[in-house]
Amino acid sequence: GGKPASLQGAQHCRAEVYLKQHGWVAMDPADVAKVMRQETPNWIKDADNPVVAPVRHALFGGWEGNWMGYNFAHDVRLPGSVAGKVGFLMYPQAQSGGEAYDALAPDTFKYTITSRAI
């Protein structure tokens, strides 16, 4: 679905946490965050908000099985970065003139990710 040739915003993060009573549990923080940021005109900051809570509940303990992981690093220090460690690699990282761009600010940090059949 969507626009397969234009992949801006299609990046995704998955997480697994170890819970002593349950073992490794899958989570989908990206879709929960997307609902918090995009479902209403204002950024919802409370995960217990009635718009967010059902999504968080559904995705705590599961995720769709159609994703492929490209990295599993955390606290990555990118060579030459002024921003310090990156918690995870989901969005492109960039800096210019000694200042890092905010990867979550699409109005000021623009990039293009595309795909095509081969």
C-alpha atoms as a PDB file:
ATOM      1  CA  GLY A   1       0.000   0.000   0.000  1.00  0.00           C
ATOM      2  CA  GLY A   2       0.936   3.632   0.029  1.00  0.00           C
ATOM      3  CA  LYS A   3       3.572   5.027  -2.291  1.00  0.00           C
ATOM      4  CA  PRO A   4       6.233   2.309  -2.629  1.00  0.00           C
ATOM      5  CA  ALA A   5       8.543   4.537  -4.697  1.00  0.00           C
ATOM      6  CA  SER A   6       8.599   7.212  -1.968  1.00  0.00           C
ATOM      7  CA  LEU A   7       9.738   5.857   1.357  1.00  0.00           C
ATOM      8  CA  GLN A   8      10.176   8.995   3.449  1.00  0.00           C
ATOM      9  CA  GLY A   9       8.735   8.276   6.855  1.00  0.00           C
ATOM     10  CA  ALA A  10       8.566   4.529   6.211  1.00  0.00           C
ATOM     11  CA  GLN A  11      11.491   3.798   8.503  1.00  0.00           C
ATOM     12  CA  HIS A  12      10.551   1.737  11.472  1.00  0.00           C
ATOM     13  CA  CYS A  13      12.009   0.550  14.743  1.00  0.00           C
ATOM     14  CA  ARG A  14      11.213  -2.639  16.545  1.00  0.00           C
ATOM     15  CA  ALA A  15      12.188  -3.520  20.062  1.00  0.00           C
ATOM     16  CA  GLU A  16      12.400  -6.574  22.230  1.00  0.00           C
ATOM     17  CA  VAL A  17      12.728  -6.410  25.980  1.00  0.00           C
ATOM     18  CA  TYR A  18      13.433  -9.192  28.421  1.00  0.00           C
ATOM     19  CA  LEU A  19      10.758  -9.530  31.090  1.00  0.00           C
ATOM     20  CA  LYS A  20      11.743 -11.972  33.815  1.00  0.00           C
ATOM     21  CA  GLN A  21       8.284 -13.574  33.972  1.00  0.00           C
ATOM     22  CA  HIS A  22       7.748 -13.721  30.194  1.00  0.00           C
ATOM     23  CA  GLY A  23      11.147 -13.861  28.475  1.00  0.00           C
ATOM     24  CA  TRP A  24      11.753 -11.785  25.341  1.00  0.00           C
ATOM     25  CA  VAL A  25       8.712  -9.674  24.432  1.00  0.00           C
ATOM     26  CA  ALA A  26       8.266  -7.884  21.106  1.00  0.00           C
ATOM     27  CA  MET A  27       7.168  -4.245  20.977  1.00  0.00           C
ATOM     28  CA  ASP A  28       6.442  -1.699  18.280  1.00  0.00           C
ATOM     29  CA  PRO A  29       7.318   1.712  19.723  1.00  0.00           C
ATOM     30  CA  ALA A  30       7.426   3.314  16.261  1.00  0.00           C
ATOM     31  CA  ASP A  31       3.735   2.835  15.510  1.00  0.00           C
ATOM     32  CA  VAL A  32       2.784   4.039  18.977  1.00  0.00           C
ATOM     33  CA  ALA A  33       4.962   7.131  18.508  1.00  0.00           C
ATOM     34  CA  LYS A  34       3.458   7.701  15.066  1.00  0.00           C
ATOM     35  CA  VAL A  35      -0.045   7.754  16.567  1.00  0.00           C
ATOM     36  CA  MET A  36       1.149  10.174  19.264  1.00  0.00           C
ATOM     37  CA  ARG A  37       2.676  12.548  16.707  1.00  0.00           C
ATOM     38  CA  GLN A  38       0.320  12.283  13.737  1.00  0.00           C
ATOM     39  CA  GLU A  39      -3.146  11.091  14.738  1.00  0.00           C
ATOM     40  CA  THR A  40      -4.337  14.516  15.885  1.00  0.00           C
ATOM     41  CA  PRO A  41      -3.287  18.063  14.947  1.00  0.00           C
ATOM     42  CA  ASN A  42      -1.461  18.371  18.303  1.00  0.00           C
ATOM     43  CA  TRP A  43       1.349  16.066  19.406  1.00  0.00           C
ATOM     44  CA  ILE A  44      -0.103  13.742  22.079  1.00  0.00           C
ATOM     45  CA  LYS A  45       2.475  13.443  24.873  1.00  0.00           C
ATOM     46  CA  ASP A  46       0.582  11.019  27.141  1.00  0.00           C
ATOM     47  CA  ALA A  47       0.703   7.320  26.225  1.00  0.00           C
ATOM     48  CA  ASP A  48      -2.481   6.818  28.287  1.00  0.00           C
ATOM     49  CA  ASN A  49      -4.422   9.214  26.045  1.00  0.00           C
ATOM     50  CA  PRO A  50      -7.601   7.447  24.787  1.00  0.00           C
ATOM     51  CA  VAL A  51      -6.393   7.765  21.182  1.00  0.00           C
ATOM     52  CA  VAL A  52      -3.000   6.195  21.959  1.00  0.00           C
ATOM     53  CA  ALA A  53      -3.791   3.649  24.690  1.00  0.00           C
ATOM     54  CA  PRO A  54      -5.460   0.990  22.474  1.00  0.00           C
ATOM     55  CA  VAL A  55      -2.580   1.086  19.995  1.00  0.00           C
ATOM     56  CA  ARG A  56       0.012   0.857  22.765  1.00  0.00           C
ATOM     57  CA  HIS A  57      -1.892  -2.047  24.321  1.00  0.00           C
ATOM     58  CA  ALA A  58      -2.098  -3.925  21.000  1.00  0.00           C
ATOM     59  CA  LEU A  59       1.564  -3.432  20.110  1.00  0.00           C
ATOM     60  CA  PHE A  60       3.037  -4.191  23.528  1.00  0.00           C
ATOM     61  CA  GLY A  61       3.825  -7.848  23.097  1.00  0.00           C
ATOM     62  CA  GLY A  62       3.654  -8.044  19.330  1.00  0.00           C
ATOM     63  CA  TRP A  63       4.406  -6.621  15.951  1.00  0.00           C
ATOM     64  CA  GLU A  64       3.689  -7.505  12.359  1.00  0.00           C
ATOM     65  CA  GLY A  65       5.927 -10.264  11.012  1.00  0.00           C
ATOM     66  CA  ASN A  66       6.737  -8.640   7.680  1.00  0.00           C
ATOM     67  CA  TRP A  67       9.795  -6.602   8.654  1.00  0.00           C
ATOM     68  CA  MET A  68      13.489  -7.269   8.150  1.00  0.00           C
ATOM     69  CA  GLY A  69      16.064  -5.806  10.520  1.00  0.00           C
ATOM     70  CA  TYR A  70      19.133  -4.043   9.163  1.00  0.00           C
ATOM     71  CA  ASN A  71      20.815  -3.255  12.452  1.00  0.00           C
ATOM     72  CA  PHE A  72      20.453  -3.897  16.124  1.00  0.00           C
ATOM     73  CA  ALA A  73      23.002  -1.444  17.450  1.00  0.00           C
ATOM     74  CA  HIS A  74      22.388   1.038  20.232  1.00  0.00           C
ATOM     75  CA  ASP A  75      24.303   4.032  21.571  1.00  0.00           C
ATOM     76  CA  VAL A  76      26.186   4.370  18.282  1.00  0.00           C
ATOM     77  CA  ARG A  77      28.858   7.056  17.994  1.00  0.00           C
ATOM     78  CA  LEU A  78      28.967   8.129  14.343  1.00  0.00           C
ATOM     79  CA  PRO A  79      32.409   9.220  13.084  1.00  0.00           C
ATOM     80  CA  GLY A  80      32.763  13.006  13.197  1.00  0.00           C
ATOM     81  CA  SER A  81      29.357  13.529  14.809  1.00  0.00           C
ATOM     82  CA  VAL A  82      28.858  16.538  17.066  1.00  0.00           C
ATOM     83  CA  ALA A  83      25.617  15.062  18.407  1.00  0.00           C
ATOM     84  CA  GLY A  84      27.209  12.386  20.567  1.00  0.00           C
ATOM     85  CA  LYS A  85      25.808   8.882  20.661  1.00  0.00           C
ATOM     86  CA  VAL A  86      22.702   8.003  18.655  1.00  0.00           C
ATOM     87  CA  GLY A  87      20.280   5.795  20.584  1.00  0.00           C
ATOM     88  CA  PHE A  88      19.368   3.822  17.464  1.00  0.00           C
ATOM     89  CA  LEU A  89      19.579   4.191  13.693  1.00  0.00           C
ATOM     90  CA  MET A  90      16.089   4.700  12.334  1.00  0.00           C
ATOM     91  CA  TYR A  91      16.184   8.064  10.582  1.00  0.00           C
ATOM     92  CA  PRO A  92      18.997   9.557   8.502  1.00  0.00           C
ATOM     93  CA  GLN A  93      21.512  11.522  10.552  1.00  0.00           C
ATOM     94  CA  ALA A  94      23.133  14.707   9.203  1.00  0.00           C
ATOM     95  CA  GLN A  95      25.081  17.719  10.324  1.00  0.00           C
ATOM     96  CA  SER A  96      26.387  20.865   8.677  1.00  0.00           C
ATOM     97  CA  GLY A  97      28.587  23.638  10.001  1.00  0.00           C
ATOM     98  CA  GLY A  98      29.160  21.740  13.232  1.00  0.00           C
ATOM     99  CA  GLU A  99      25.450  21.483  14.038  1.00  0.00           C
ATOM    100  CA  ALA A 100      23.349  18.323  13.905  1.00  0.00           C
ATOM    101  CA  TYR A 101      19.997  18.339  12.113  1.00  0.00           C
ATOM    102  CA  ASP A 102      16.931  17.175  14.028  1.00  0.00           C
ATOM    103  CA  ALA A 103      15.965  13.903  12.310  1.00  0.00           C
ATOM    104  CA  LEU A 104      12.392  14.337  13.578  1.00  0.00           C
ATOM    105  CA  ALA A 105      11.905  17.808  12.064  1.00  0.00           C
ATOM    106  CA  PRO A 106      10.780  17.244   8.453  1.00  0.00           C
ATOM    107  CA  ASP A 107      10.345  20.975   7.799  1.00  0.00           C
ATOM    108  CA  THR A 108      14.029  21.695   8.406  1.00  0.00           C
ATOM    109  CA  PHE A 109      15.696  18.355   7.599  1.00  0.00           C
ATOM    110  CA  LYS A 110      14.683  17.140   4.163  1.00  0.00           C
ATOM    111  CA  TYR A 111      15.828  13.924   2.510  1.00  0.00           C
ATOM    112  CA  THR A 112      14.568  11.468  -0.070  1.00  0.00           C
ATOM    113  CA  ILE A 113      14.403   7.684   0.180  1.00  0.00           C
ATOM    114  CA  THR A 114      13.147   5.860  -2.894  1.00  0.00           C
ATOM    115  CA  SER A 115      12.745   2.324  -4.123  1.00  0.00           C
ATOM    116  CA  ARG A 116      12.399   0.644  -7.483  1.00  0.00           C
ATOM    117  CA  ALA A 117      11.925  -2.880  -8.752  1.00  0.00           C
ATOM    118  CA  ILE A 118      15.100  -4.646  -9.875  1.00  0.00           C
END
